[in-house]
């Protein structure tokens, strides 16, 4: 089973683990591949750590702790925390202001994002996190709404190209089908959509593209020696770095990231979180979404709780996963009551 819990909520994960235990009890062997270390420690009898295609360690599960697993995966190097490089934000300038956004499955009354701020979106599967980001990125039909970016009033973007011209760009959740052209080189994918910026005034050639995107790749800790390698041959972590490098290679001020750590290992996650903080400190703003609530809480300046396609609450970074889930379940309970009474959800 390859990343079987990537799109599942807690209840579904628990049910899957029950099924796996039943399979084991009936004599089946299961190979379980996952970056969810808690799930690995919960379900497996033995754990093998791979790094760069080679076996690093193999032990019975009882001999592992989560900290030991992470250390083995990183080759003995402790992961950096994005918060460890945080510096106090003094600017309070609004980078993006949204009012009255209406789109299919999305209803956002008001949202202000400050310059240099990282705003996390937390919600369960099907909550509307992705639809909200796609609406802001012009990838979902917007029915109504206004925005200001850089202090200039605008209509909300109707296309991704329109959003990019306004200074908003998105890295989608589905890297392989929506984010990358897998048979093209890593450098080509970083330059995608803005080849003139990458290649300068001359003809668009691979050597020119490689030279033009080298700095953006370095910002994401992507090895320059792999810029000519086809994107489809890279790991999920390196593919994610390509999409972030592409955003960094563009003159955009607001970055929208949907599930940027899904399906990547703990080392790549550390690079992504550090990159988020460095992007914010460079004066850009980040709105990002993840089904991993603990990650959102640990690596955001504030958290928007989303359910039913709406922002139902805002929490500070020191909130707990329990706080998030309580807000969501309270909202769902109220919505169910109103639906039963013949009213509308709040």
Protein backbone atom coordinates (compact mmCIF):
# COMPACT_ATOMS: atom_id res chain seq x y z
CA UNK A 1 0.00 0.00 0.00
CA UNK A 2 1.58 3.25 -1.19
CA UNK A 3 0.51 6.28 0.89
CA UNK A 4 -2.94 4.78 1.59
CA UNK A 5 -3.93 7.45 4.12
CA UNK A 6 -2.90 10.54 2.10
CA UNK A 7 -6.50 11.64 1.42
CA UNK A 8 -8.24 10.10 4.43
CA UNK A 9 -9.67 11.66 7.57
CA UNK A 10 -8.95 10.23 11.07
CA UNK A 11 -11.99 7.93 11.12
CA UNK A 12 -11.17 6.47 7.71
CA UNK A 13 -7.53 5.94 8.73
CA UNK A 14 -8.66 4.02 11.80
CA UNK A 15 -10.99 1.84 9.67
CA UNK A 16 -8.21 1.17 7.14
CA UNK A 17 -5.92 0.05 9.95
CA UNK A 18 -8.63 -2.31 11.16
CA UNK A 19 -8.82 -3.84 7.68
CA UNK A 20 -5.03 -4.22 7.55
CA UNK A 21 -5.02 -6.00 10.90
CA UNK A 22 -7.75 -8.32 9.62
CA UNK A 23 -5.66 -9.06 6.53
CA UNK A 24 -2.63 -9.79 8.69
CA UNK A 25 -4.71 -12.06 10.92
CA UNK A 26 -5.87 -14.05 7.89
CA UNK A 27 -2.29 -14.72 6.77
CA UNK A 28 -1.65 -11.87 4.33
CA UNK A 29 1.58 -9.87 4.30
CA UNK A 30 1.31 -6.09 3.85
CA UNK A 31 4.00 -3.61 2.78
CA UNK A 32 2.87 -0.19 3.98
CA UNK A 33 4.62 2.87 2.51
CA UNK A 34 3.82 6.18 4.21
CA UNK A 35 5.22 9.51 5.35
CA UNK A 36 2.68 9.48 8.20
CA UNK A 37 5.06 8.28 10.89
CA UNK A 38 2.34 7.98 13.53
CA UNK A 39 0.43 5.62 11.25
CA UNK A 40 3.59 3.63 10.53
CA UNK A 41 4.29 3.14 14.23
CA UNK A 42 0.65 2.26 14.87
CA UNK A 43 0.14 -0.40 12.19
CA UNK A 44 3.50 -1.95 11.31
CA UNK A 45 5.35 -4.88 12.92
CA UNK A 46 8.73 -3.76 11.55
CA UNK A 47 9.90 -0.51 9.96
CA UNK A 48 12.50 -0.09 7.22
CA UNK A 49 13.90 3.39 6.56
CA UNK A 50 14.97 4.17 2.98
CA UNK A 51 17.06 7.16 1.92
CA UNK A 52 18.20 7.87 -1.64
CA UNK A 53 16.96 4.43 -2.71
CA UNK A 54 18.96 2.49 -0.13
CA UNK A 55 18.02 0.76 3.10
CA UNK A 56 19.30 2.78 6.06
CA UNK A 57 17.91 0.80 9.00
CA UNK A 58 15.39 -1.95 9.71
CA UNK A 59 14.07 -2.69 13.20
CA UNK A 60 10.97 -4.08 14.92
CA UNK A 61 8.48 -1.28 15.51
CA UNK A 62 8.91 -1.51 19.28
CA UNK A 63 12.51 -0.34 18.90
CA UNK A 64 11.54 2.85 17.07
CA UNK A 65 10.30 6.22 18.29
CA UNK A 66 9.05 8.98 16.03
CA UNK A 67 12.12 11.06 16.83
CA UNK A 68 14.44 8.15 15.99
CA UNK A 69 12.62 7.58 12.69
CA UNK A 70 12.99 11.22 11.69
CA UNK A 71 16.68 11.20 12.58
CA UNK A 72 17.25 8.06 10.51
CA UNK A 73 15.38 9.53 7.54
CA UNK A 74 17.48 12.71 7.68
CA UNK A 75 20.77 10.87 8.06
CA UNK A 76 21.28 11.95 11.66
CA UNK A 77 20.51 15.64 11.00
CA UNK A 78 17.84 17.27 13.14
CA UNK A 79 15.10 18.97 11.05
CA UNK A 80 14.97 22.76 11.11
CA UNK A 81 11.82 24.35 12.41
CA UNK A 82 10.34 27.11 10.31
CA UNK A 83 9.57 29.02 13.49
CA UNK A 84 13.25 28.93 14.49
CA UNK A 85 14.00 31.46 11.75
CA UNK A 86 11.02 33.68 12.45
CA UNK A 87 11.71 37.37 12.96
CA UNK A 88 9.19 39.84 14.37
CA UNK A 89 7.03 41.41 11.67
CA UNK A 90 6.91 45.17 11.90
CA UNK A 91 5.04 45.97 8.69
CA UNK A 92 1.25 45.87 8.92
CA UNK A 93 0.56 46.68 5.27
CA UNK A 94 -2.23 44.65 3.69
CA UNK A 95 -0.98 42.69 0.70
CA UNK A 96 -4.34 41.23 -0.31
CA UNK A 97 -7.85 42.27 0.73
CA UNK A 98 -10.88 40.25 -0.41
CA UNK A 99 -14.53 41.18 0.07
CA UNK A 100 -17.72 39.31 -0.86
CA UNK A 101 -16.16 36.39 -2.73
CA UNK A 102 -18.76 34.00 -4.12
CA UNK A 103 -17.82 30.98 -6.22
CA UNK A 104 -19.16 27.42 -6.56
CA UNK A 105 -18.88 25.91 -3.09
CA UNK A 106 -17.10 29.00 -1.69
CA UNK A 107 -18.44 31.91 0.35
CA UNK A 108 -15.87 34.34 1.76
CA UNK A 109 -17.13 37.61 3.23
CA UNK A 110 -13.82 39.23 4.20
CA UNK A 111 -10.14 38.35 4.22
CA UNK A 112 -7.04 40.51 4.79
CA UNK A 113 -3.52 39.12 4.30
CA UNK A 114 -0.59 41.23 5.47
CA UNK A 115 2.73 41.65 3.73
CA UNK A 116 5.16 39.00 4.95
CA UNK A 117 2.45 36.92 6.60
CA UNK A 118 1.92 33.14 6.44
CA UNK A 119 -1.76 32.27 6.77
CA UNK A 120 -2.69 28.61 7.13
CA UNK A 121 -6.03 27.08 6.16
CA UNK A 122 -7.16 24.15 8.31
CA UNK A 123 -10.13 21.94 7.60
CA UNK A 124 -11.23 18.37 7.04
CA UNK A 125 -11.36 16.59 3.67
CA UNK A 126 -14.16 18.18 1.63
CA UNK A 127 -14.22 21.37 3.69
CA UNK A 128 -13.58 23.65 0.71
CA UNK A 129 -9.93 24.45 1.37
CA UNK A 130 -8.89 23.74 -2.22
CA UNK A 131 -11.91 25.50 -3.73
CA UNK A 132 -11.11 28.64 -1.72
CA UNK A 133 -7.52 28.75 -2.98
CA UNK A 134 -8.58 28.00 -6.56
CA UNK A 135 -11.12 30.83 -6.42
CA UNK A 136 -8.44 33.28 -5.27
CA UNK A 137 -6.14 31.99 -8.04
CA UNK A 138 -8.70 32.47 -10.80
CA UNK A 139 -8.97 28.72 -11.39
CA UNK A 140 -12.59 28.48 -10.19
CA UNK A 141 -15.40 30.57 -11.74
CA UNK A 142 -15.96 33.61 -9.50
CA UNK A 143 -19.55 34.80 -9.42
CA UNK A 144 -18.92 38.02 -7.51
CA UNK A 145 -16.43 39.74 -5.25
CA UNK A 146 -13.80 42.46 -5.10
CA UNK A 147 -10.21 42.62 -3.95
CA UNK A 148 -7.33 44.97 -3.37
CA UNK A 149 -3.75 43.95 -4.02
CA UNK A 150 -0.93 46.33 -3.28
CA UNK A 151 -3.56 48.91 -2.29
CA UNK A 152 -5.17 48.89 -5.76
CA UNK A 153 -8.88 47.96 -6.03
CA UNK A 154 -9.51 45.16 -8.51
CA UNK A 155 -12.14 42.66 -9.52
CA UNK A 156 -11.26 39.16 -8.43
CA UNK A 157 -9.27 37.32 -11.11
CA UNK A 158 -11.27 35.22 -13.56
CA UNK A 159 -8.36 33.15 -14.87
CA UNK A 160 -4.99 31.96 -13.51
CA UNK A 161 -3.27 34.24 -16.04
CA UNK A 162 -5.29 37.18 -14.74
CA UNK A 163 -4.32 36.29 -11.17
CA UNK A 164 -0.66 36.05 -12.11
CA UNK A 165 -0.74 39.48 -13.76
CA UNK A 166 -2.24 40.86 -10.54
CA UNK A 167 0.55 39.27 -8.48
CA UNK A 168 -1.16 36.06 -7.28
CA UNK A 169 0.13 32.59 -8.17
CA UNK A 170 -0.76 29.09 -7.01
CA UNK A 171 0.98 25.73 -6.62
CA UNK A 172 -1.79 23.10 -6.90
CA UNK A 173 -2.14 19.98 -4.79
CA UNK A 174 -1.85 17.58 -7.74
CA UNK A 175 1.76 18.06 -8.76
CA UNK A 176 1.85 15.48 -11.54
CA UNK A 177 -1.39 16.28 -13.38
CA UNK A 178 -1.83 20.00 -12.68
CA UNK A 179 1.54 21.37 -11.60
CA UNK A 180 4.27 19.90 -13.78
CA UNK A 181 5.03 18.70 -17.30
CA UNK A 182 6.73 15.46 -16.32
CA UNK A 183 8.64 14.71 -19.51
CA UNK A 184 10.25 18.16 -19.55
CA UNK A 185 13.34 19.11 -17.57
CA UNK A 186 13.32 20.48 -14.04
CA UNK A 187 14.62 23.83 -15.34
CA UNK A 188 11.88 23.97 -18.01
CA UNK A 189 9.23 23.42 -15.34
CA UNK A 190 10.61 26.22 -13.16
CA UNK A 191 10.54 28.58 -16.15
CA UNK A 192 7.08 27.42 -17.28
CA UNK A 193 4.78 30.33 -18.09
CA UNK A 194 7.54 32.95 -18.17
CA UNK A 195 10.29 31.71 -20.48
CA UNK A 196 11.31 35.24 -21.49
CA UNK A 197 12.21 35.99 -17.87
CA UNK A 198 14.28 32.81 -17.62
CA UNK A 199 16.05 33.01 -20.98
CA UNK A 200 16.59 36.74 -21.33
CA UNK A 201 16.49 38.44 -24.72
CA UNK A 202 18.00 35.56 -26.67
CA UNK A 203 16.39 32.41 -28.06
CA UNK A 204 14.72 30.05 -25.60
CA UNK A 205 17.24 27.22 -25.24
CA UNK A 206 17.78 24.74 -22.41
CA UNK A 207 21.21 26.18 -21.46
CA UNK A 208 19.68 29.67 -21.20
CA UNK A 209 16.75 28.34 -19.17
CA UNK A 210 19.07 26.46 -16.82
CA UNK A 211 21.15 29.59 -16.25
CA UNK A 212 18.03 31.72 -15.75
CA UNK A 213 16.41 29.53 -13.10
CA UNK A 214 19.54 28.52 -11.18
CA UNK A 215 19.00 31.16 -8.49
CA UNK A 216 15.34 30.20 -7.93
CA UNK A 217 16.30 26.53 -7.72
CA UNK A 218 19.00 27.32 -5.18
CA UNK A 219 16.46 29.20 -3.05
CA UNK A 220 14.47 25.96 -2.77
CA UNK A 221 17.61 23.86 -2.10
CA UNK A 222 17.15 22.11 -5.45
CA UNK A 223 20.48 20.77 -6.73
CA UNK A 224 21.71 22.61 -9.84
CA UNK A 225 23.10 19.31 -11.15
CA UNK A 226 19.51 18.04 -11.55
CA UNK A 227 18.09 20.97 -13.51
CA UNK A 228 18.36 19.06 -16.80
CA UNK A 229 16.70 15.92 -15.38
CA UNK A 230 13.06 15.20 -16.45
CA UNK A 231 10.65 16.27 -13.70
CA UNK A 232 8.88 12.91 -13.83
CA UNK A 233 11.98 11.10 -12.57
CA UNK A 234 12.23 13.19 -9.40
CA UNK A 235 10.91 12.39 -5.93
CA UNK A 236 7.73 14.05 -4.66
CA UNK A 237 9.82 16.37 -2.49
CA UNK A 238 11.94 17.57 -5.39
CA UNK A 239 8.85 18.00 -7.57
CA UNK A 240 7.35 20.21 -4.88
CA UNK A 241 10.55 22.26 -4.78
CA UNK A 242 10.20 22.82 -8.53
CA UNK A 243 6.75 24.32 -8.14
CA UNK A 244 7.88 26.58 -5.30
CA UNK A 245 10.93 27.62 -7.31
CA UNK A 246 8.61 28.49 -10.22
CA UNK A 247 6.61 30.82 -7.97
CA UNK A 248 9.79 32.38 -6.64
CA UNK A 249 10.95 32.93 -10.24
CA UNK A 250 7.90 35.09 -10.93
CA UNK A 251 7.19 38.68 -9.83
CA UNK A 252 4.22 37.74 -7.62
CA UNK A 253 3.45 39.06 -4.15
CA UNK A 254 0.88 36.48 -2.93
CA UNK A 255 1.62 32.75 -3.11
CA UNK A 256 -1.18 30.18 -2.74
CA UNK A 257 -0.01 26.67 -1.83
CA UNK A 258 -2.39 23.71 -1.71
CA UNK A 259 -1.09 20.70 0.28
CA UNK A 260 2.60 21.57 -0.33
CA UNK A 261 3.82 18.75 1.97
CA UNK A 262 1.55 15.93 0.78
CA UNK A 263 3.48 12.79 -0.15
CA UNK A 264 6.96 14.11 0.65
CA UNK A 265 9.40 12.93 3.29
CA UNK A 266 10.30 14.67 6.52
CA UNK A 267 13.50 16.16 5.08
CA UNK A 268 11.67 17.73 2.14
CA UNK A 269 9.00 19.01 4.53
CA UNK A 270 11.69 20.75 6.55
CA UNK A 271 12.95 22.47 3.37
CA UNK A 272 9.40 23.53 2.44
CA UNK A 273 8.65 25.02 5.86
CA UNK A 274 11.95 26.88 5.96
CA UNK A 275 11.28 28.14 2.44
CA UNK A 276 7.82 29.41 3.49
CA UNK A 277 9.35 31.51 6.22
CA UNK A 278 12.09 32.84 3.94
CA UNK A 279 9.48 33.70 1.28
CA UNK A 280 7.51 35.66 3.89
CA UNK A 281 10.62 37.41 5.16
CA UNK A 282 11.40 38.49 1.59
CA UNK A 283 8.19 40.56 1.64
CA UNK A 284 5.79 38.16 -0.04
CA UNK A 285 2.69 36.69 1.55
CA UNK A 286 1.69 33.02 1.71
CA UNK A 287 -1.72 31.38 2.05
CA UNK A 288 -1.40 27.63 2.35
CA UNK A 289 -3.67 24.69 3.00
CA UNK A 290 -3.02 21.27 4.49
CA UNK A 291 -5.02 18.35 5.83
CA UNK A 292 -2.26 17.97 8.45
CA UNK A 293 -3.72 20.27 11.09
CA UNK A 294 -0.65 20.07 13.36
CA UNK A 295 1.57 21.29 10.50
CA UNK A 296 -0.74 24.23 9.81
CA UNK A 297 -0.65 25.23 13.49
CA UNK A 298 3.13 24.87 13.73
CA UNK A 299 4.06 26.83 10.61
CA UNK A 300 1.53 29.67 10.26
CA UNK A 301 1.24 33.14 11.73
CA UNK A 302 -2.53 32.64 12.03
CA UNK A 303 -5.00 29.96 11.02
CA UNK A 304 -8.29 30.16 9.15
CA UNK A 305 -10.64 27.29 10.01
CA UNK A 306 -12.70 26.27 6.97
CA UNK A 307 -15.86 24.15 6.78
CA UNK A 308 -18.65 24.04 4.23
CA UNK A 309 -16.68 26.31 1.90
CA UNK A 310 -16.59 29.11 4.49
CA UNK A 311 -14.08 30.56 6.93
CA UNK A 312 -15.85 29.77 10.20
CA UNK A 313 -13.18 30.99 12.63
CA UNK A 314 -9.67 32.38 12.96
CA UNK A 315 -7.16 31.01 15.47
CA UNK A 316 -3.68 32.04 16.65
CA UNK A 317 -0.71 29.70 16.05
CA UNK A 318 -0.64 28.49 19.67
CA UNK A 319 -4.07 26.88 19.24
CA UNK A 320 -4.35 23.10 19.40
CA UNK A 321 -5.75 20.56 16.92
CA UNK A 322 -8.55 20.07 19.44
CA UNK A 323 -9.45 23.77 19.07
CA UNK A 324 -9.67 23.39 15.29
CA UNK A 325 -11.75 20.21 15.38
CA UNK A 326 -14.06 21.65 18.03
CA UNK A 327 -14.82 24.66 15.80
CA UNK A 328 -15.50 22.38 12.83
CA UNK A 329 -17.73 19.94 14.70
CA UNK A 330 -19.67 22.78 16.34
CA UNK A 331 -20.28 24.31 12.91
CA UNK A 332 -21.38 20.99 11.45
CA UNK A 333 -23.67 20.30 14.38
CA UNK A 334 -25.32 23.72 14.01
CA UNK A 335 -25.65 23.25 10.25
CA UNK A 336 -27.30 19.84 10.76
CA UNK A 337 -29.75 21.30 13.28
CA UNK A 338 -30.71 24.16 10.95
CA UNK A 339 -31.09 21.78 8.01
CA UNK A 340 -33.38 19.58 10.12
CA UNK A 341 -35.42 22.62 11.13
CA UNK A 342 -35.74 23.69 7.51
CA UNK A 343 -33.40 26.66 7.84
CA UNK A 344 -30.10 27.37 6.17
CA UNK A 345 -26.63 26.61 7.52
CA UNK A 346 -24.82 29.56 9.13
